Amino acid sequence: MNHSKIDSLSFAMHLHLATRLSKNPLLLADMKKCVDTWLKSEKCPGSTGYLQQWLDAIEKGPEAVISLATETSEQGQVLRSCSPFGVIWTPKERWEFIRQWREDRGCKKI
């Protein structure tokens, strides 16, 4: 799968998760824990600025997080690459979404 399709999948995943977050704002707590853990680990110092943007949005509330997650700019693409949204669904849910997304587009593999 080329970068364009990967970016498209990432955007679709974030749109899906944004809907979930809008229905259950309490999920922000899990996202905050995730970002806090990543920031404390210092394993990805190049991502600190992006993680801080996520943390700032989380502290503002679900609308700010959803706006950041669904931003269509290049900056939005970069932010989705280090997004804490993954903690609000199970691996099974994630893979089912990917399978369905690929099937809908005739993609053989990622």
PDB file of N, CA and C in Angstrom:
ATOM      1  N   MET A   1       0.856  -1.170   0.000  1.00  0.00           N
ATOM      2  CA  MET A   1       0.000   0.000   0.000  1.00  0.00           C
ATOM      3  C   MET A   1       0.902   1.234   0.000  1.00  0.00           C
ATOM      4  N   ASN A   2       0.573   2.200  -0.808  1.00  0.00           N
ATOM      5  CA  ASN A   2       1.401   3.408  -0.885  1.00  0.00           C
ATOM      6  C   ASN A   2       1.036   4.390   0.237  1.00  0.00           C
ATOM      7  N   HIS A   3       1.862   5.418   0.368  1.00  0.00           N
ATOM      8  CA  HIS A   3       1.674   6.386   1.455  1.00  0.00           C
ATOM      9  C   HIS A   3       0.323   7.085   1.391  1.00  0.00           C
ATOM     10  N   SER A   4      -0.151   7.340   0.201  1.00  0.00           N
ATOM     11  CA  SER A   4      -1.448   8.001   0.053  1.00  0.00           C
ATOM     12  C   SER A   4      -2.569   7.145   0.649  1.00  0.00           C
ATOM     13  N   LYS A   5      -2.536   5.852   0.378  1.00  0.00           N
ATOM     14  CA  LYS A   5      -3.561   4.959   0.930  1.00  0.00           C
ATOM     15  C   LYS A   5      -3.409   4.817   2.442  1.00  0.00           C
ATOM     16  N   ILE A   6      -2.184   4.769   2.918  1.00  0.00           N
ATOM     17  CA  ILE A   6      -1.951   4.681   4.364  1.00  0.00           C
ATOM     18  C   ILE A   6      -2.491   5.932   5.055  1.00  0.00           C
ATOM     19  N   ASP A   7      -2.238   7.093   4.466  1.00  0.00           N
ATOM     20  CA  ASP A   7      -2.767   8.342   5.029  1.00  0.00           C
ATOM     21  C   ASP A   7      -4.289   8.353   4.998  1.00  0.00           C
ATOM     22  N   SER A   8      -4.856   7.833   3.921  1.00  0.00           N
ATOM     23  CA  SER A   8      -6.309   7.761   3.802  1.00  0.00           C
ATOM     24  C   SER A   8      -6.895   6.830   4.873  1.00  0.00           C
ATOM     25  N   LEU A   9      -6.254   5.694   5.093  1.00  0.00           N
ATOM     26  CA  LEU A   9      -6.688   4.764   6.139  1.00  0.00           C
ATOM     27  C   LEU A   9      -6.590   5.423   7.511  1.00  0.00           C
ATOM     28  N   SER A  10      -5.491   6.082   7.779  1.00  0.00           N
ATOM     29  CA  SER A  10      -5.309   6.743   9.069  1.00  0.00           C
ATOM     30  C   SER A  10      -6.395   7.793   9.296  1.00  0.00           C
ATOM     31  N   PHE A  11      -6.703   8.569   8.271  1.00  0.00           N
ATOM     32  CA  PHE A  11      -7.752   9.581   8.385  1.00  0.00           C
ATOM     33  C   PHE A  11      -9.109   8.915   8.660  1.00  0.00           C
ATOM     34  N   ALA A  12      -9.403   7.846   7.924  1.00  0.00           N
ATOM     35  CA  ALA A  12     -10.672   7.138   8.115  1.00  0.00           C
ATOM     36  C   ALA A  12     -10.770   6.571   9.534  1.00  0.00           C
ATOM     37  N   MET A  13      -9.677   6.035  10.044  1.00  0.00           N
ATOM     38  CA  MET A  13      -9.662   5.497  11.404  1.00  0.00           C
ATOM     39  C   MET A  13      -9.934   6.608  12.413  1.00  0.00           C
ATOM     40  N   HIS A  14      -9.312   7.754  12.196  1.00  0.00           N
ATOM     41  CA  HIS A  14      -9.499   8.873  13.122  1.00  0.00           C
ATOM     42  C   HIS A  14     -10.918   9.442  13.045  1.00  0.00           C
ATOM     43  N   LEU A  15     -11.503   9.464  11.870  1.00  0.00           N
ATOM     44  CA  LEU A  15     -12.913   9.885  11.761  1.00  0.00           C
ATOM     45  C   LEU A  15     -13.814   8.935  12.550  1.00  0.00           C
ATOM     46  N   HIS A  16     -13.549   7.654  12.399  1.00  0.00           N
ATOM     47  CA  HIS A  16     -14.334   6.652  13.118  1.00  0.00           C
ATOM     48  C   HIS A  16     -14.187   6.826  14.635  1.00  0.00           C
ATOM     49  N   LEU A  17     -12.970   6.994  15.084  1.00  0.00           N
ATOM     50  CA  LEU A  17     -12.718   7.145  16.516  1.00  0.00           C
ATOM     51  C   LEU A  17     -13.219   8.486  17.042  1.00  0.00           C
ATOM     52  N   ALA A  18     -13.222   9.499  16.195  1.00  0.00           N
ATOM     53  CA  ALA A  18     -13.774  10.801  16.604  1.00  0.00           C
ATOM     54  C   ALA A  18     -15.252  10.665  16.938  1.00  0.00           C
ATOM     55  N   THR A  19     -15.960   9.864  16.169  1.00  0.00           N
ATOM     56  CA  THR A  19     -17.379   9.615  16.448  1.00  0.00           C
ATOM     57  C   THR A  19     -17.528   8.924  17.803  1.00  0.00           C
ATOM     58  N   ARG A  20     -16.672   7.960  18.045  1.00  0.00           N
ATOM     59  CA  ARG A  20     -16.707   7.254  19.333  1.00  0.00           C
ATOM     60  C   ARG A  20     -16.432   8.212  20.490  1.00  0.00           C
ATOM     61  N   LEU A  21     -15.446   9.082  20.323  1.00  0.00           N
ATOM     62  CA  LEU A  21     -15.097  10.054  21.365  1.00  0.00           C
ATOM     63  C   LEU A  21     -16.233  11.043  21.594  1.00  0.00           C
ATOM     64  N   SER A  22     -16.885  11.469  20.527  1.00  0.00           N
ATOM     65  CA  SER A  22     -17.983  12.430  20.687  1.00  0.00           C
ATOM     66  C   SER A  22     -19.138  11.827  21.490  1.00  0.00           C
ATOM     67  N   LYS A  23     -19.303  10.511  21.393  1.00  0.00           N
ATOM     68  CA  LYS A  23     -20.361   9.829  22.140  1.00  0.00           C
ATOM     69  C   LYS A  23     -19.950   9.502  23.574  1.00  0.00           C
ATOM     70  N   ASN A  24     -18.638   9.462  23.819  1.00  0.00           N
ATOM     71  CA  ASN A  24     -18.144   9.105  25.151  1.00  0.00           C
ATOM     72  C   ASN A  24     -16.899   9.925  25.494  1.00  0.00           C
ATOM     73  N   PRO A  25     -17.083  11.176  25.903  1.00  0.00           N
ATOM     74  CA  PRO A  25     -15.940  12.051  26.224  1.00  0.00           C
ATOM     75  C   PRO A  25     -15.059  11.530  27.353  1.00  0.00           C
ATOM     76  N   LEU A  26     -15.550  10.582  28.137  1.00  0.00           N
ATOM     77  CA  LEU A  26     -14.729  10.021  29.215  1.00  0.00           C
ATOM     78  C   LEU A  26     -13.502   9.283  28.673  1.00  0.00           C
ATOM     79  N   LEU A  27     -13.511   8.951  27.383  1.00  0.00           N
ATOM     80  CA  LEU A  27     -12.364   8.301  26.760  1.00  0.00           C
ATOM     81  C   LEU A  27     -11.129   9.199  26.763  1.00  0.00           C
ATOM     82  N   LEU A  28     -11.348  10.495  26.937  1.00  0.00           N
ATOM     83  CA  LEU A  28     -10.211  11.426  26.991  1.00  0.00           C
ATOM     84  C   LEU A  28      -9.230  11.053  28.098  1.00  0.00           C
ATOM     85  N   ALA A  29      -9.729  10.497  29.187  1.00  0.00           N
ATOM     86  CA  ALA A  29      -8.849  10.123  30.297  1.00  0.00           C
ATOM     87  C   ALA A  29      -7.838   9.067  29.857  1.00  0.00           C
ATOM     88  N   ASP A  30      -8.284   8.082  29.076  1.00  0.00           N
ATOM     89  CA  ASP A  30      -7.373   7.054  28.567  1.00  0.00           C
ATOM     90  C   ASP A  30      -6.354   7.653  27.604  1.00  0.00           C
ATOM     91  N   MET A  31      -6.816   8.583  26.786  1.00  0.00           N
ATOM     92  CA  MET A  31      -5.920   9.233  25.836  1.00  0.00           C
ATOM     93  C   MET A  31      -4.864  10.067  26.575  1.00  0.00           C
ATOM     94  N   LYS A  32      -5.281  10.746  27.624  1.00  0.00           N
ATOM     95  CA  LYS A  32      -4.351  11.561  28.408  1.00  0.00           C
ATOM     96  C   LYS A  32      -3.290  10.683  29.067  1.00  0.00           C
ATOM     97  N   LYS A  33      -3.706   9.558  29.633  1.00  0.00           N
ATOM     98  CA  LYS A  33      -2.749   8.627  30.247  1.00  0.00           C
ATOM     99  C   LYS A  33      -1.724   8.162  29.223  1.00  0.00           C
ATOM    100  N   CYS A  34      -2.191   7.861  28.034  1.00  0.00           N
ATOM    101  CA  CYS A  34      -1.315   7.404  26.959  1.00  0.00           C
ATOM    102  C   CYS A  34      -0.266   8.468  26.616  1.00  0.00           C
ATOM    103  N   VAL A  35      -0.719   9.694  26.398  1.00  0.00           N
ATOM    104  CA  VAL A  35       0.204  10.776  26.045  1.00  0.00           C
ATOM    105  C   VAL A  35       1.175  11.040  27.197  1.00  0.00           C
ATOM    106  N   ASP A  36       0.681  11.062  28.421  1.00  0.00           N
ATOM    107  CA  ASP A  36       1.559  11.270  29.578  1.00  0.00           C
ATOM    108  C   ASP A  36       2.653  10.201  29.633  1.00  0.00           C
ATOM    109  N   THR A  37       2.274   8.962  29.394  1.00  0.00           N
ATOM    110  CA  THR A  37       3.243   7.853  29.402  1.00  0.00           C
ATOM    111  C   THR A  37       4.289   8.049  28.312  1.00  0.00           C
ATOM    112  N   TRP A  38       3.841   8.393  27.118  1.00  0.00           N
ATOM    113  CA  TRP A  38       4.780   8.608  26.011  1.00  0.00           C
ATOM    114  C   TRP A  38       5.734   9.758  26.313  1.00  0.00           C
ATOM    115  N   LEU A  39       5.213  10.840  26.872  1.00  0.00           N
ATOM    116  CA  LEU A  39       6.067  11.984  27.184  1.00  0.00           C
ATOM    117  C   LEU A  39       7.094  11.639  28.259  1.00  0.00           C
ATOM    118  N   LYS A  40       6.698  10.860  29.248  1.00  0.00           N
ATOM    119  CA  LYS A  40       7.619  10.474  30.317  1.00  0.00           C
ATOM    120  C   LYS A  40       8.677   9.487  29.850  1.00  0.00           C
ATOM    121  N   SER A  41       8.365   8.690  28.844  1.00  0.00           N
ATOM    122  CA  SER A  41       9.295   7.652  28.388  1.00  0.00           C
ATOM    123  C   SER A  41      10.519   8.240  27.694  1.00  0.00           C
ATOM    124  N   GLU A  42      10.375   9.388  27.088  1.00  0.00           N
ATOM    125  CA  GLU A  42      11.459  10.065  26.371  1.00  0.00           C
ATOM    126  C   GLU A  42      12.092   9.181  25.292  1.00  0.00           C
ATOM    127  N   LYS A  43      11.358   8.187  24.807  1.00  0.00           N
ATOM    128  CA  LYS A  43      11.879   7.308  23.759  1.00  0.00           C
ATOM    129  C   LYS A  43      11.778   7.926  22.368  1.00  0.00           C
ATOM    130  N   CYS A  44      10.916   8.905  22.224  1.00  0.00           N
ATOM    131  CA  CYS A  44      10.707   9.545  20.920  1.00  0.00           C
ATOM    132  C   CYS A  44      10.817  11.055  21.083  1.00  0.00           C
ATOM    133  N   PRO A  45      12.022  11.553  21.352  1.00  0.00           N
ATOM    134  CA  PRO A  45      12.156  12.995  21.599  1.00  0.00           C
ATOM    135  C   PRO A  45      11.708  13.860  20.426  1.00  0.00           C
ATOM    136  N   GLY A  46      11.748  13.343  19.219  1.00  0.00           N
ATOM    137  CA  GLY A  46      11.305  14.099  18.057  1.00  0.00           C
ATOM    138  C   GLY A  46       9.797  14.293  18.006  1.00  0.00           C
ATOM    139  N   SER A  47       9.066  13.532  18.812  1.00  0.00           N
ATOM    140  CA  SER A  47       7.602  13.617  18.830  1.00  0.00           C
ATOM    141  C   SER A  47       7.068  14.473  19.967  1.00  0.00           C
ATOM    142  N   THR A  48       7.920  14.968  20.816  1.00  0.00           N
ATOM    143  CA  THR A  48       7.477  15.695  22.003  1.00  0.00           C
ATOM    144  C   THR A  48       6.549  16.851  21.667  1.00  0.00           C
ATOM    145  N   GLY A  49       6.881  17.631  20.663  1.00  0.00           N
ATOM    146  CA  GLY A  49       6.039  18.770  20.282  1.00  0.00           C
ATOM    147  C   GLY A  49       4.658  18.337  19.822  1.00  0.00           C
ATOM    148  N   TYR A  50       4.604  17.242  19.066  1.00  0.00           N
ATOM    149  CA  TYR A  50       3.321  16.728  18.592  1.00  0.00           C
ATOM    150  C   TYR A  50       2.507  16.173  19.752  1.00  0.00           C
ATOM    151  N   LEU A  51       3.172  15.462  20.648  1.00  0.00           N
ATOM    152  CA  LEU A  51       2.474  14.917  21.816  1.00  0.00           C
ATOM    153  C   LEU A  51       1.944  16.035  22.703  1.00  0.00           C
ATOM    154  N   GLN A  52       2.697  17.110  22.805  1.00  0.00           N
ATOM    155  CA  GLN A  52       2.231  18.244  23.599  1.00  0.00           C
ATOM    156  C   GLN A  52       0.993  18.870  22.960  1.00  0.00           C
ATOM    157  N   GLN A  53       0.933  18.887  21.627  1.00  0.00           N
ATOM    158  CA  GLN A  53      -0.267  19.391  20.951  1.00  0.00           C
ATOM    159  C   GLN A  53      -1.475  18.520  21.275  1.00  0.00           C
ATOM    160  N   TRP A  54      -1.265  17.197  21.309  1.00  0.00           N
ATOM    161  CA  TRP A  54      -2.354  16.302  21.681  1.00  0.00           C
ATOM    162  C   TRP A  54      -2.787  16.558  23.115  1.00  0.00           C
ATOM    163  N   LEU A  55      -1.819  16.694  24.008  1.00  0.00           N
ATOM    164  CA  LEU A  55      -2.136  16.933  25.418  1.00  0.00           C
ATOM    165  C   LEU A  55      -2.906  18.234  25.595  1.00  0.00           C
ATOM    166  N   ASP A  56      -2.482  19.277  24.897  1.00  0.00           N
ATOM    167  CA  ASP A  56      -3.188  20.564  24.962  1.00  0.00           C
ATOM    168  C   ASP A  56      -4.634  20.412  24.489  1.00  0.00           C
ATOM    169  N   ALA A  57      -4.825  19.680  23.401  1.00  0.00           N
ATOM    170  CA  ALA A  57      -6.179  19.468  22.876  1.00  0.00           C
ATOM    171  C   ALA A  57      -7.020  18.649  23.852  1.00  0.00           C
ATOM    172  N   ILE A  58      -6.430  17.617  24.437  1.00  0.00           N
ATOM    173  CA  ILE A  58      -7.146  16.778  25.407  1.00  0.00           C
ATOM    174  C   ILE A  58      -7.619  17.623  26.578  1.00  0.00           C
ATOM    175  N   GLU A  59      -6.768  18.518  27.038  1.00  0.00           N
ATOM    176  CA  GLU A  59      -7.131  19.365  28.170  1.00  0.00           C
ATOM    177  C   GLU A  59      -8.242  20.355  27.823  1.00  0.00           C
ATOM    178  N   LYS A  60      -8.380  20.686  26.534  1.00  0.00           N
ATOM    179  CA  LYS A  60      -9.455  21.594  26.101  1.00  0.00           C
ATOM    180  C   LYS A  60     -10.787  20.870  25.934  1.00  0.00           C
ATOM    181  N   GLY A  61     -10.728  19.558  25.696  1.00  0.00           N
ATOM    182  CA  GLY A  61     -11.962  18.794  25.576  1.00  0.00           C
ATOM    183  C   GLY A  61     -12.106  18.054  24.261  1.00  0.00           C
ATOM    184  N   PRO A  62     -13.183  17.275  24.135  1.00  0.00           N
ATOM    185  CA  PRO A  62     -13.361  16.411  22.964  1.00  0.00           C
ATOM    186  C   PRO A  62     -13.397  17.150  21.635  1.00  0.00           C
ATOM    187  N   GLU A  63     -14.021  18.316  21.611  1.00  0.00           N
ATOM    188  CA  GLU A  63     -14.107  19.047  20.333  1.00  0.00           C
ATOM    189  C   GLU A  63     -12.712  19.402  19.808  1.00  0.00           C
ATOM    190  N   ALA A  64     -11.825  19.820  20.693  1.00  0.00           N
ATOM    191  CA  ALA A  64     -10.465  20.176  20.284  1.00  0.00           C
ATOM    192  C   ALA A  64      -9.705  18.948  19.796  1.00  0.00           C
ATOM    193  N   VAL A  65      -9.892  17.828  20.463  1.00  0.00           N
ATOM    194  CA  VAL A  65      -9.220  16.591  20.049  1.00  0.00           C
ATOM    195  C   VAL A  65      -9.744  16.132  18.695  1.00  0.00           C
ATOM    196  N   ILE A  66     -11.043  16.175  18.521  1.00  0.00           N
ATOM    197  CA  ILE A  66     -11.640  15.759  17.250  1.00  0.00           C
ATOM    198  C   ILE A  66     -11.169  16.665  16.117  1.00  0.00           C
ATOM    199  N   SER A  67     -11.101  17.951  16.380  1.00  0.00           N
ATOM    200  CA  SER A  67     -10.623  18.898  15.375  1.00  0.00           C
ATOM    201  C   SER A  67      -9.186  18.578  14.960  1.00  0.00           C
ATOM    202  N   LEU A  68      -8.345  18.293  15.931  1.00  0.00           N
ATOM    203  CA  LEU A  68      -6.948  17.973  15.651  1.00  0.00           C
ATOM    204  C   LEU A  68      -6.845  16.655  14.880  1.00  0.00           C
ATOM    205  N   ALA A  69      -7.617  15.673  15.294  1.00  0.00           N
ATOM    206  CA  ALA A  69      -7.556  14.341  14.690  1.00  0.00           C
ATOM    207  C   ALA A  69      -8.052  14.318  13.250  1.00  0.00           C
ATOM    208  N   THR A  70      -8.937  15.236  12.911  1.00  0.00           N
ATOM    209  CA  THR A  70      -9.536  15.227  11.571  1.00  0.00           C
ATOM    210  C   THR A  70      -9.064  16.388  10.703  1.00  0.00           C
ATOM    211  N   GLU A  71      -8.026  17.054  11.153  1.00  0.00           N
ATOM    212  CA  GLU A  71      -7.449  18.139  10.359  1.00  0.00           C
ATOM    213  C   GLU A  71      -6.907  17.558   9.054  1.00  0.00           C
ATOM    214  N   THR A  72      -7.233  18.197   7.936  1.00  0.00           N
ATOM    215  CA  THR A  72      -6.866  17.645   6.627  1.00  0.00           C
ATOM    216  C   THR A  72      -5.541  18.168   6.090  1.00  0.00           C
ATOM    217  N   SER A  73      -4.851  18.967   6.867  1.00  0.00           N
ATOM    218  CA  SER A  73      -3.575  19.531   6.425  1.00  0.00           C
ATOM    219  C   SER A  73      -2.431  18.525   6.593  1.00  0.00           C
ATOM    220  N   GLU A  74      -1.270  18.897   6.100  1.00  0.00           N
ATOM    221  CA  GLU A  74      -0.073  18.076   6.291  1.00  0.00           C
ATOM    222  C   GLU A  74       0.224  17.923   7.788  1.00  0.00           C
ATOM    223  N   GLN A  75      -0.006  18.993   8.547  1.00  0.00           N
ATOM    224  CA  GLN A  75       0.178  18.943   9.996  1.00  0.00           C
ATOM    225  C   GLN A  75      -0.751  17.902  10.622  1.00  0.00           C
ATOM    226  N   GLY A  76      -1.967  17.833  10.134  1.00  0.00           N
ATOM    227  CA  GLY A  76      -2.904  16.831  10.621  1.00  0.00           C
ATOM    228  C   GLY A  76      -2.413  15.419  10.352  1.00  0.00           C
ATOM    229  N   GLN A  77      -1.834  15.226   9.167  1.00  0.00           N
ATOM    230  CA  GLN A  77      -1.265  13.923   8.816  1.00  0.00           C
ATOM    231  C   GLN A  77      -0.174  13.534   9.804  1.00  0.00           C
ATOM    232  N   VAL A  78       0.709  14.464  10.091  1.00  0.00           N
ATOM    233  CA  VAL A  78       1.821  14.207  11.008  1.00  0.00           C
ATOM    234  C   VAL A  78       1.287  13.883  12.406  1.00  0.00           C
ATOM    235  N   LEU A  79       0.323  14.655  12.864  1.00  0.00           N
ATOM    236  CA  LEU A  79      -0.236  14.425  14.195  1.00  0.00           C
ATOM    237  C   LEU A  79      -0.908  13.057  14.295  1.00  0.00           C
ATOM    238  N   ARG A  80      -1.566  12.621  13.229  1.00  0.00           N
ATOM    239  CA  ARG A  80      -2.191  11.304  13.261  1.00  0.00           C
ATOM    240  C   ARG A  80      -1.165  10.188  13.365  1.00  0.00           C
ATOM    241  N   SER A  81       0.066  10.451  12.951  1.00  0.00           N
ATOM    242  CA  SER A  81       1.099   9.412  13.027  1.00  0.00           C
ATOM    243  C   SER A  81       1.570   9.153  14.458  1.00  0.00           C
ATOM    244  N   CYS A  82       1.276  10.056  15.365  1.00  0.00           N
ATOM    245  CA  CYS A  82       1.634   9.838  16.785  1.00  0.00           C
ATOM    246  C   CYS A  82       0.423  10.126  17.666  1.00  0.00           C
ATOM    247  N   SER A  83      -0.698   9.636  17.234  1.00  0.00           N
ATOM    248  CA  SER A  83      -1.977   9.898  17.888  1.00  0.00           C
ATOM    249  C   SER A  83      -2.255   8.922  19.028  1.00  0.00           C
ATOM    250  N   PRO A  84      -2.852   9.426  20.107  1.00  0.00           N
ATOM    251  CA  PRO A  84      -3.259   8.549  21.204  1.00  0.00           C
ATOM    252  C   PRO A  84      -4.624   7.907  20.987  1.00  0.00           C
ATOM    253  N   PHE A  85      -5.227   8.087  19.822  1.00  0.00           N
ATOM    254  CA  PHE A  85      -6.556   7.546  19.565  1.00  0.00           C
ATOM    255  C   PHE A  85      -6.587   6.019  19.630  1.00  0.00           C
ATOM    256  N   GLY A  86      -5.469   5.384  19.387  1.00  0.00           N
ATOM    257  CA  GLY A  86      -5.434   3.924  19.367  1.00  0.00           C
ATOM    258  C   GLY A  86      -5.841   3.262  20.673  1.00  0.00           C
ATOM    259  N   VAL A  87      -5.758   3.995  21.765  1.00  0.00           N
ATOM    260  CA  VAL A  87      -6.095   3.387  23.061  1.00  0.00           C
ATOM    261  C   VAL A  87      -7.599   3.289  23.301  1.00  0.00           C
ATOM    262  N   ILE A  88      -8.399   3.859  22.423  1.00  0.00           N
ATOM    263  CA  ILE A  88      -9.843   3.837  22.677  1.00  0.00           C
ATOM    264  C   ILE A  88     -10.568   2.750  21.882  1.00  0.00           C
ATOM    265  N   TRP A  89      -9.793   1.811  21.317  1.00  0.00           N
ATOM    266  CA  TRP A  89     -10.421   0.636  20.748  1.00  0.00           C
ATOM    267  C   TRP A  89      -9.496  -0.548  20.913  1.00  0.00           C
ATOM    268  N   THR A  90     -10.074  -1.744  20.818  1.00  0.00           N
ATOM    269  CA  THR A  90      -9.293  -2.959  21.019  1.00  0.00           C
ATOM    270  C   THR A  90      -8.551  -3.311  19.728  1.00  0.00           C
ATOM    271  N   PRO A  91      -7.513  -4.136  19.834  1.00  0.00           N
ATOM    272  CA  PRO A  91      -6.842  -4.586  18.609  1.00  0.00           C
ATOM    273  C   PRO A  91      -7.816  -5.283  17.650  1.00  0.00           C
ATOM    274  N   LYS A  92      -8.751  -6.052  18.195  1.00  0.00           N
ATOM    275  CA  LYS A  92      -9.735  -6.734  17.337  1.00  0.00           C
ATOM    276  C   LYS A  92     -10.585  -5.720  16.572  1.00  0.00           C
ATOM    277  N   GLU A  93     -11.050  -4.677  17.259  1.00  0.00           N
ATOM    278  CA  GLU A  93     -11.848  -3.643  16.591  1.00  0.00           C
ATOM    279  C   GLU A  93     -11.028  -2.941  15.509  1.00  0.00           C
ATOM    280  N   ARG A  94      -9.781  -2.661  15.846  1.00  0.00           N
ATOM    281  CA  ARG A  94      -8.896  -1.977  14.892  1.00  0.00           C
ATOM    282  C   ARG A  94      -8.707  -2.825  13.631  1.00  0.00           C
ATOM    283  N   TRP A  95      -8.382  -4.100  13.810  1.00  0.00           N
ATOM    284  CA  TRP A  95      -8.140  -4.953  12.648  1.00  0.00           C
ATOM    285  C   TRP A  95      -9.411  -5.188  11.842  1.00  0.00           C
ATOM    286  N   GLU A  96     -10.545  -5.246  12.498  1.00  0.00           N
ATOM    287  CA  GLU A  96     -11.810  -5.391  11.770  1.00  0.00           C
ATOM    288  C   GLU A  96     -12.067  -4.140  10.924  1.00  0.00           C
ATOM    289  N   PHE A  97     -11.784  -2.977  11.489  1.00  0.00           N
ATOM    290  CA  PHE A  97     -11.956  -1.737  10.730  1.00  0.00           C
ATOM    291  C   PHE A  97     -11.039  -1.741   9.513  1.00  0.00           C
ATOM    292  N   ILE A  98      -9.779  -2.107   9.708  1.00  0.00           N
ATOM    293  CA  ILE A  98      -8.804  -2.138   8.605  1.00  0.00           C
ATOM    294  C   ILE A  98      -9.240  -3.142   7.545  1.00  0.00           C
ATOM    295  N   ARG A  99      -9.668  -4.333   7.983  1.00  0.00           N
ATOM    296  CA  ARG A  99     -10.117  -5.344   7.032  1.00  0.00           C
ATOM    297  C   ARG A  99     -11.270  -4.827   6.180  1.00  0.00           C
ATOM    298  N   GLN A 100     -12.248  -4.202   6.842  1.00  0.00           N
ATOM    299  CA  GLN A 100     -13.405  -3.685   6.121  1.00  0.00           C
ATOM    300  C   GLN A 100     -13.009  -2.541   5.190  1.00  0.00           C
ATOM    301  N   TRP A 101     -12.142  -1.672   5.661  1.00  0.00           N
ATOM    302  CA  TRP A 101     -11.679  -0.540   4.844  1.00  0.00           C
ATOM    303  C   TRP A 101     -10.979  -1.059   3.590  1.00  0.00           C
ATOM    304  N   ARG A 102     -10.082  -2.034   3.770  1.00  0.00           N
ATOM    305  CA  ARG A 102      -9.371  -2.613   2.616  1.00  0.00           C
ATOM    306  C   ARG A 102     -10.338  -3.284   1.654  1.00  0.00           C
ATOM    307  N   GLU A 103     -11.268  -4.049   2.200  1.00  0.00           N
ATOM    308  CA  GLU A 103     -12.250  -4.742   1.365  1.00  0.00           C
ATOM    309  C   GLU A 103     -13.073  -3.747   0.552  1.00  0.00           C
ATOM    310  N   ASP A 104     -13.500  -2.663   1.188  1.00  0.00           N
ATOM    311  CA  ASP A 104     -14.299  -1.645   0.507  1.00  0.00           C
ATOM    312  C   ASP A 104     -13.538  -0.992  -0.645  1.00  0.00           C
ATOM    313  N   ARG A 105     -12.224  -1.007  -0.580  1.00  0.00           N
ATOM    314  CA  ARG A 105     -11.402  -0.362  -1.611  1.00  0.00           C
ATOM    315  C   ARG A 105     -10.666  -1.335  -2.511  1.00  0.00           C
ATOM    316  N   GLY A 106     -10.895  -2.610  -2.312  1.00  0.00           N
ATOM    317  CA  GLY A 106     -10.235  -3.611  -3.141  1.00  0.00           C
ATOM    318  C   GLY A 106      -8.742  -3.721  -2.886  1.00  0.00           C
ATOM    319  N   CYS A 107      -8.305  -3.359  -1.694  1.00  0.00           N
ATOM    320  CA  CYS A 107      -6.879  -3.451  -1.339  1.00  0.00           C
ATOM    321  C   CYS A 107      -6.578  -4.866  -0.868  1.00  0.00           C
ATOM    322  N   LYS A 108      -5.497  -5.436  -1.367  1.00  0.00           N
ATOM    323  CA  LYS A 108      -5.120  -6.795  -0.971  1.00  0.00           C
ATOM    324  C   LYS A 108      -4.424  -6.820   0.375  1.00  0.00           C
ATOM    325  N   LYS A 109      -3.544  -5.864   0.620  1.00  0.00           N
ATOM    326  CA  LYS A 109      -2.803  -5.828   1.875  1.00  0.00           C
ATOM    327  C   LYS A 109      -2.372  -4.406   2.172  1.00  0.00           C
ATOM    328  N   ILE A 110      -1.917  -4.210   3.398  1.00  0.00           N
ATOM    329  CA  ILE A 110      -1.474  -2.868   3.794  1.00  0.00           C
ATOM    330  C   ILE A 110      -0.045  -2.667   3.374  1.00  0.00           C
TER     331      ILE A 110
END
